[in-house]
N, C-alpha and C. Protein backbone atom coordinates (compact mmCIF):
# COMPACT_ATOMS: atom_id res chain seq x y z
N MET A 1 -24.79 -6.63 -17.59
CA MET A 1 -24.70 -6.72 -15.92
C MET A 1 -25.67 -7.60 -15.11
N LYS A 2 -25.09 -8.20 -14.09
CA LYS A 2 -25.51 -8.98 -12.80
C LYS A 2 -26.72 -7.96 -12.30
N THR A 3 -27.59 -8.89 -12.05
CA THR A 3 -28.85 -8.18 -10.86
C THR A 3 -27.98 -8.74 -9.38
N LEU A 4 -28.42 -7.07 -8.73
CA LEU A 4 -27.95 -7.22 -7.28
C LEU A 4 -28.86 -8.23 -6.73
N ASP A 5 -28.80 -8.92 -5.63
CA ASP A 5 -29.64 -9.98 -4.80
C ASP A 5 -30.08 -8.90 -3.72
N VAL A 6 -31.39 -8.77 -3.61
CA VAL A 6 -32.13 -8.10 -2.19
C VAL A 6 -32.20 -9.02 -1.11
N LEU A 7 -31.53 -8.50 0.10
CA LEU A 7 -31.07 -9.60 1.36
C LEU A 7 -32.34 -8.44 2.17
N PHE A 8 -33.28 -9.36 2.88
CA PHE A 8 -34.08 -8.74 3.92
C PHE A 8 -33.37 -9.21 5.27
N VAL A 9 -33.12 -8.26 5.95
CA VAL A 9 -32.64 -8.34 7.50
C VAL A 9 -33.51 -7.55 8.67
N GLY A 10 -33.79 -7.93 9.66
CA GLY A 10 -34.44 -7.65 11.09
C GLY A 10 -34.29 -5.85 10.94
N LYS A 11 -35.41 -5.41 11.65
CA LYS A 11 -34.86 -3.97 11.64
C LYS A 11 -34.03 -3.55 12.30
N GLU A 12 -33.32 -4.06 13.66
CA GLU A 12 -32.55 -3.99 14.09
C GLU A 12 -31.16 -4.18 13.91
N THR A 13 -31.00 -4.60 13.00
CA THR A 13 -29.84 -4.90 11.40
C THR A 13 -29.97 -3.70 10.92
N PHE A 14 -31.14 -3.57 10.10
CA PHE A 14 -31.16 -2.24 9.43
C PHE A 14 -30.78 -0.96 9.84
N GLU A 15 -31.43 -1.16 11.08
CA GLU A 15 -31.29 0.36 11.69
C GLU A 15 -29.43 0.60 12.20
N GLN A 16 -28.62 -0.53 12.42
CA GLN A 16 -27.47 -0.31 12.84
C GLN A 16 -26.32 0.40 11.82
N MET A 17 -26.99 -0.33 10.30
CA MET A 17 -26.01 -0.31 9.22
C MET A 17 -25.74 0.87 8.77
N TYR A 18 -26.51 2.42 9.25
CA TYR A 18 -26.34 3.50 8.60
C TYR A 18 -24.18 3.78 9.66
N LYS A 19 -24.31 3.12 10.88
CA LYS A 19 -23.33 3.57 11.69
C LYS A 19 -22.07 2.82 11.04
N ILE A 20 -22.41 2.10 10.31
CA ILE A 20 -20.88 1.19 9.75
C ILE A 20 -20.68 1.25 8.11
N SER A 21 -21.92 2.51 7.33
CA SER A 21 -21.33 2.97 6.56
C SER A 21 -20.14 3.29 5.97
N CYS A 22 -18.90 2.82 5.13
CA CYS A 22 -18.15 3.09 4.77
C CYS A 22 -17.80 3.06 3.57
N CYS A 23 -18.33 3.93 2.51
CA CYS A 23 -17.75 4.47 1.07
C CYS A 23 -16.58 5.81 1.26
N SER A 24 -17.38 6.78 2.49
CA SER A 24 -15.70 7.44 2.58
C SER A 24 -14.25 6.69 2.81
N HIS A 25 -14.69 6.04 4.31
CA HIS A 25 -13.86 5.75 4.84
C HIS A 25 -12.93 5.00 3.54
N ILE A 26 -13.86 4.07 2.43
CA ILE A 26 -12.48 3.43 1.30
C ILE A 26 -11.89 4.42 0.21
N SER A 27 -12.88 5.48 0.31
CA SER A 27 -12.09 6.48 -0.94
C SER A 27 -10.95 7.04 0.02
N GLU A 28 -10.67 6.97 1.15
CA GLU A 28 -9.84 8.03 1.94
C GLU A 28 -8.75 7.01 2.35
N GLY A 29 -8.76 5.99 2.07
CA GLY A 29 -7.77 4.92 2.35
C GLY A 29 -7.73 4.22 3.65
N LYS A 30 -9.00 4.58 4.33
CA LYS A 30 -8.76 4.61 6.26
C LYS A 30 -9.91 3.02 6.34
N SER A 31 -9.21 2.50 7.32
CA SER A 31 -9.97 1.42 7.91
C SER A 31 -11.92 1.40 8.22
N ILE A 32 -12.28 0.57 7.65
CA ILE A 32 -13.76 0.93 7.50
C ILE A 32 -14.39 0.14 9.28
N PRO A 33 -15.32 1.07 9.31
CA PRO A 33 -15.82 1.69 10.67
C PRO A 33 -16.26 -0.02 11.04
N GLY A 34 -16.83 -1.28 10.66
CA GLY A 34 -17.30 -2.20 10.47
C GLY A 34 -17.98 -2.72 9.19
N THR A 35 -18.83 -4.40 9.51
CA THR A 35 -18.94 -5.07 9.44
C THR A 35 -20.40 -5.92 9.95
N ILE A 36 -21.06 -6.19 8.76
CA ILE A 36 -22.24 -7.34 9.46
C ILE A 36 -22.72 -8.23 9.28
N PHE A 37 -23.02 -9.59 9.60
CA PHE A 37 -23.01 -10.59 9.55
C PHE A 37 -24.87 -11.13 9.03
N HIS A 38 -24.60 -11.68 8.03
CA HIS A 38 -26.59 -12.09 7.80
C HIS A 38 -25.90 -13.24 7.24
N LEU A 39 -26.90 -14.41 7.63
CA LEU A 39 -26.80 -16.06 7.17
C LEU A 39 -25.53 -16.06 6.51
N ASN A 40 -24.12 -16.04 7.44
CA ASN A 40 -23.25 -16.91 7.87
C ASN A 40 -22.15 -15.98 6.94
N LYS A 41 -22.89 -14.80 5.85
CA LYS A 41 -21.39 -14.17 5.32
C LYS A 41 -21.08 -12.88 5.88
N GLU A 42 -20.19 -12.25 5.74
CA GLU A 42 -20.06 -10.88 5.91
C GLU A 42 -20.23 -10.16 4.77
N TYR A 43 -20.76 -8.89 5.44
CA TYR A 43 -20.74 -7.53 4.84
C TYR A 43 -20.40 -6.63 5.09
N ILE A 44 -19.75 -5.48 4.09
CA ILE A 44 -19.87 -4.12 4.66
C ILE A 44 -20.60 -3.22 3.98
N ILE A 45 -21.25 -2.30 4.23
CA ILE A 45 -22.39 -1.27 3.85
C ILE A 45 -21.53 0.12 2.81
N THR A 46 -21.91 0.30 1.75
CA THR A 46 -21.34 1.10 0.99
C THR A 46 -22.26 2.32 1.08
N GLY A 47 -23.83 2.58 1.19
CA GLY A 47 -24.40 3.71 0.27
C GLY A 47 -25.52 3.38 1.27
N PHE A 48 -26.63 4.39 0.69
CA PHE A 48 -27.97 3.92 1.29
C PHE A 48 -28.75 5.21 0.50
N ILE A 49 -30.19 4.88 0.75
CA ILE A 49 -31.48 5.76 0.04
C ILE A 49 -32.33 5.97 1.32
N GLY A 50 -32.62 7.02 1.56
CA GLY A 50 -34.00 7.68 2.39
C GLY A 50 -34.53 8.87 1.55
N ASP A 51 -35.43 8.94 1.94
CA ASP A 51 -36.25 9.85 1.60
C ASP A 51 -36.34 11.77 2.79
N GLY A 52 -35.79 11.32 3.85
CA GLY A 52 -35.45 12.20 4.66
C GLY A 52 -36.51 12.61 6.13
N HIS A 53 -37.63 11.27 5.54
CA HIS A 53 -38.97 11.86 6.55
C HIS A 53 -39.15 10.84 6.98
N ASN A 54 -38.98 9.48 5.97
CA ASN A 54 -39.55 8.39 6.96
C ASN A 54 -38.12 7.12 6.60
N GLY A 55 -36.86 8.08 6.77
CA GLY A 55 -35.68 7.12 7.34
C GLY A 55 -35.04 6.80 5.90
N PHE A 56 -34.60 5.49 6.31
CA PHE A 56 -33.70 4.73 5.25
C PHE A 56 -34.52 3.86 4.35
N HIS A 57 -34.60 3.51 3.20
CA HIS A 57 -35.24 2.15 2.75
C HIS A 57 -34.65 1.40 1.82
N THR A 58 -33.24 1.40 2.16
CA THR A 58 -32.04 0.58 1.17
C THR A 58 -30.84 1.39 1.52
N PHE A 59 -29.91 0.21 1.82
CA PHE A 59 -28.98 0.58 2.12
C PHE A 59 -27.99 -0.70 0.88
N PHE A 60 -26.86 -0.41 0.71
CA PHE A 60 -26.07 -1.11 -0.45
C PHE A 60 -25.01 -1.64 0.08
N GLY A 61 -24.67 -2.96 -0.17
CA GLY A 61 -23.45 -3.04 0.70
C GLY A 61 -22.82 -4.50 -0.54
N CYS A 62 -21.89 -5.08 0.16
CA CYS A 62 -21.05 -6.22 -0.85
C CYS A 62 -20.39 -7.05 0.41
N GLU A 63 -20.39 -8.29 0.04
CA GLU A 63 -19.88 -9.46 0.41
C GLU A 63 -18.52 -9.06 0.97
N VAL A 64 -17.95 -9.93 1.96
CA VAL A 64 -16.53 -9.68 1.84
C VAL A 64 -16.03 -10.73 2.91
N VAL A 65 -14.63 -11.01 2.12
CA VAL A 65 -13.85 -12.32 2.85
C VAL A 65 -12.40 -12.25 3.29
N ASP A 66 -12.05 -12.45 3.76
CA ASP A 66 -10.77 -12.42 4.38
C ASP A 66 -9.45 -12.62 2.97
N LEU A 67 -8.44 -11.53 3.12
CA LEU A 67 -7.25 -12.08 2.01
C LEU A 67 -7.46 -13.23 1.63
N SER A 68 -6.76 -13.93 2.89
CA SER A 68 -6.55 -15.00 3.15
C SER A 68 -7.05 -16.31 2.23
N ILE A 69 -8.50 -16.10 2.35
CA ILE A 69 -9.55 -16.95 1.94
C ILE A 69 -9.68 -16.73 0.44
N TYR A 70 -9.60 -15.74 -0.13
CA TYR A 70 -10.08 -15.04 -1.25
C TYR A 70 -9.50 -16.22 -2.66
N ASP A 71 -10.35 -16.60 -3.57
CA ASP A 71 -10.16 -17.58 -4.30
C ASP A 71 -10.23 -17.27 -5.68
N ARG A 72 -10.94 -16.09 -5.91
CA ARG A 72 -11.43 -15.87 -7.26
C ARG A 72 -10.08 -15.21 -7.94
N PRO A 73 -10.44 -15.10 -9.66
CA PRO A 73 -9.17 -14.86 -10.28
C PRO A 73 -9.11 -13.12 -10.65
N LEU A 74 -9.79 -12.20 -10.20
CA LEU A 74 -9.78 -11.06 -10.16
C LEU A 74 -8.89 -10.59 -9.16
N LYS A 75 -7.76 -10.16 -9.26
CA LYS A 75 -6.96 -9.89 -8.58
C LYS A 75 -7.46 -8.36 -7.25
N PRO A 76 -7.19 -8.49 -6.05
CA PRO A 76 -7.57 -7.63 -5.25
C PRO A 76 -6.76 -6.17 -5.43
N LEU A 77 -7.11 -5.49 -5.38
CA LEU A 77 -6.28 -3.60 -6.06
C LEU A 77 -6.99 -2.87 -4.55
N SER A 78 -5.94 -1.82 -4.34
CA SER A 78 -6.46 -1.14 -2.98
C SER A 78 -7.40 -0.24 -3.73
N TYR A 79 -7.85 1.15 -3.66
CA TYR A 79 -9.05 1.89 -3.79
C TYR A 79 -8.14 2.50 -5.35
N GLY A 80 -6.62 3.34 -5.09
CA GLY A 80 -6.28 3.99 -6.24
C GLY A 80 -6.06 3.17 -7.23
N ILE A 81 -5.65 2.30 -7.29
CA ILE A 81 -5.17 0.74 -8.15
C ILE A 81 -6.29 0.66 -9.11
N HIS A 82 -7.68 0.32 -8.24
CA HIS A 82 -8.43 -0.57 -8.44
C HIS A 82 -9.25 1.14 -9.41
N GLY A 83 -9.49 2.08 -9.13
CA GLY A 83 -9.82 3.04 -9.73
C GLY A 83 -9.34 3.03 -11.04
N ALA A 84 -7.90 3.13 -11.27
CA ALA A 84 -7.20 3.45 -12.89
C ALA A 84 -7.37 2.26 -13.05
N GLU A 85 -7.26 1.50 -12.80
CA GLU A 85 -8.25 -0.07 -13.72
C GLU A 85 -9.46 0.23 -14.26
N VAL A 86 -10.65 0.55 -13.46
CA VAL A 86 -11.39 1.22 -14.20
C VAL A 86 -11.30 2.24 -15.00
N ASP A 87 -11.04 3.05 -14.73
CA ASP A 87 -10.63 4.41 -15.90
C ASP A 87 -10.35 3.72 -17.12
N ALA A 88 -8.87 2.85 -17.01
CA ALA A 88 -8.63 2.24 -18.09
C ALA A 88 -9.39 1.19 -19.13
N GLY A 89 -10.29 0.98 -18.05
CA GLY A 89 -11.14 0.27 -19.05
C GLY A 89 -11.07 -1.12 -18.79
N SER A 90 -9.59 -1.70 -17.86
CA SER A 90 -9.58 -3.06 -18.09
C SER A 90 -10.36 -4.24 -16.43
N ARG A 91 -11.19 -3.37 -15.91
CA ARG A 91 -11.58 -3.62 -14.95
C ARG A 91 -13.03 -2.75 -15.11
N GLU A 92 -14.13 -3.72 -14.25
CA GLU A 92 -15.70 -3.54 -14.15
C GLU A 92 -15.69 -2.41 -13.07
N ARG A 93 -16.74 -1.29 -13.36
CA ARG A 93 -16.80 -0.22 -12.27
C ARG A 93 -17.86 -1.03 -11.11
N GLY A 94 -17.68 -0.74 -9.73
CA GLY A 94 -17.63 -1.13 -8.63
C GLY A 94 -16.87 -1.51 -7.88
N TYR A 95 -17.24 -2.24 -6.39
CA TYR A 95 -16.71 -2.79 -5.56
C TYR A 95 -15.52 -4.18 -5.72
N THR A 96 -16.49 -5.03 -6.51
CA THR A 96 -15.39 -6.44 -6.67
C THR A 96 -14.50 -6.25 -6.88
N GLY A 97 -13.77 -6.85 -6.44
CA GLY A 97 -12.16 -7.10 -6.26
C GLY A 97 -11.26 -6.00 -5.46
N LEU A 98 -12.03 -5.27 -5.00
CA LEU A 98 -11.71 -4.21 -3.87
C LEU A 98 -11.11 -4.31 -2.75
N LEU A 99 -9.43 -4.19 -2.54
CA LEU A 99 -9.01 -4.26 -0.97
C LEU A 99 -9.53 -3.70 -0.27
N ILE A 100 -9.85 -4.01 0.59
CA ILE A 100 -10.17 -3.01 2.00
C ILE A 100 -9.44 -3.25 3.06
N ARG A 101 -9.53 -2.05 4.28
CA ARG A 101 -8.88 -2.62 5.69
C ARG A 101 -10.22 -2.50 6.58
N PHE A 102 -10.13 -3.43 7.79
CA PHE A 102 -10.69 -3.63 8.75
C PHE A 102 -10.23 -3.78 9.95
N GLY A 103 -9.61 -2.61 10.39
CA GLY A 103 -8.21 -2.97 12.13
C GLY A 103 -7.36 -3.72 10.97
N PRO A 104 -6.70 -4.81 12.05
CA PRO A 104 -5.79 -5.17 11.43
C PRO A 104 -6.06 -6.17 9.94
N ARG A 105 -7.19 -6.26 10.03
CA ARG A 105 -7.81 -7.21 8.45
C ARG A 105 -7.74 -7.33 7.42
N ALA A 106 -7.12 -7.67 6.12
CA ALA A 106 -7.68 -6.81 4.73
C ALA A 106 -8.58 -8.32 4.46
N LEU A 107 -9.39 -6.99 3.95
CA LEU A 107 -10.87 -7.97 2.91
C LEU A 107 -10.81 -7.76 1.80
N VAL A 108 -11.02 -8.62 1.06
CA VAL A 108 -11.21 -8.24 -0.31
C VAL A 108 -13.17 -8.27 -0.59
N CYS A 109 -13.84 -7.53 -1.67
CA CYS A 109 -15.08 -7.06 -1.49
C CYS A 109 -15.52 -8.20 -3.08
N LEU A 110 -16.62 -8.74 -2.31
CA LEU A 110 -17.54 -10.00 -3.56
C LEU A 110 -18.47 -9.17 -4.49
N ASP A 111 -19.51 -9.73 -3.82
CA ASP A 111 -20.58 -9.16 -4.97
C ASP A 111 -21.62 -8.11 -4.09
N GLN A 112 -21.98 -7.24 -4.87
CA GLN A 112 -22.95 -6.50 -4.52
C GLN A 112 -24.32 -6.62 -3.96
N VAL A 113 -25.14 -6.09 -2.76
CA VAL A 113 -25.97 -6.33 -2.70
C VAL A 113 -26.68 -5.49 -2.17
N ASP A 114 -28.76 -5.49 -2.18
CA ASP A 114 -29.05 -4.20 -1.50
C ASP A 114 -29.96 -4.81 -0.72
N PHE A 115 -29.63 -4.01 0.62
CA PHE A 115 -30.21 -4.87 2.01
C PHE A 115 -32.01 -3.78 2.32
N LYS A 116 -32.44 -4.77 2.29
CA LYS A 116 -34.34 -3.99 2.60
C LYS A 116 -34.32 -4.39 4.54
N ALA A 117 -35.17 -3.44 4.98
CA ALA A 117 -35.74 -3.87 6.49
C ALA A 117 -36.53 -4.84 6.33
N SER A 118 -37.10 -6.45 6.48
CA SER A 118 -38.39 -6.52 7.18
C SER A 118 -38.61 -6.49 8.08
N HIS A 119 -39.71 -5.84 8.19
CA HIS A 119 -40.32 -5.51 9.86
C HIS A 119 -40.81 -7.22 10.16
N GLU A 120 -40.99 -7.71 9.56
CA GLU A 120 -41.62 -9.66 9.96
C GLU A 120 -40.51 -10.14 10.86
N LEU A 121 -38.86 -9.72 10.24
CA LEU A 121 -38.12 -11.03 10.97
C LEU A 121 -37.55 -10.50 12.36
N LYS A 122 -37.57 -11.40 13.58
CA LYS A 122 -37.02 -11.40 14.42
C LYS A 122 -35.42 -11.12 14.41
N GLN A 123 -34.82 -10.04 15.24
CA GLN A 123 -33.74 -9.67 15.16
C GLN A 123 -33.03 -10.51 16.35
N LEU A 124 -32.28 -11.99 16.24
CA LEU A 124 -31.70 -12.89 17.43
C LEU A 124 -30.19 -12.28 17.53
N THR A 125 -29.59 -11.76 16.67
CA THR A 125 -27.98 -11.31 16.88
C THR A 125 -27.57 -10.34 15.69
N LEU A 126 -26.52 -9.79 15.83
CA LEU A 126 -25.98 -8.80 14.87
C LEU A 126 -24.66 -9.76 14.55
N PHE A 127 -24.57 -10.84 15.17
CA PHE A 127 -22.97 -11.44 14.39
C PHE A 127 -23.97 -13.31 14.34
């Protein structure tokens, strides 16, 4: 299994990630609420961990690209078909290759990452 990359983002971006978490949207087939850009790549937020007292300490995400420029061999599939192939053992568990919607855009999930806050980073922009 591939080791996940850990990306450090400024505190402001980290605090915005909760608002665009999209795990339930994906499983319900709904358009996701948003994406973030970090180091010229676009990501969705798929989950998070917090302790209830000190807020969140990790967000989970995936890099995404528009379906029109997706060039990997794994066929993009919608949530239901993706899940059926995982259950059948013909596809790895996770978000890689999952086809999702963000408004009118069709996005494909690529590599999964973890986000952590870096309190030393100055946030210049969300985009």
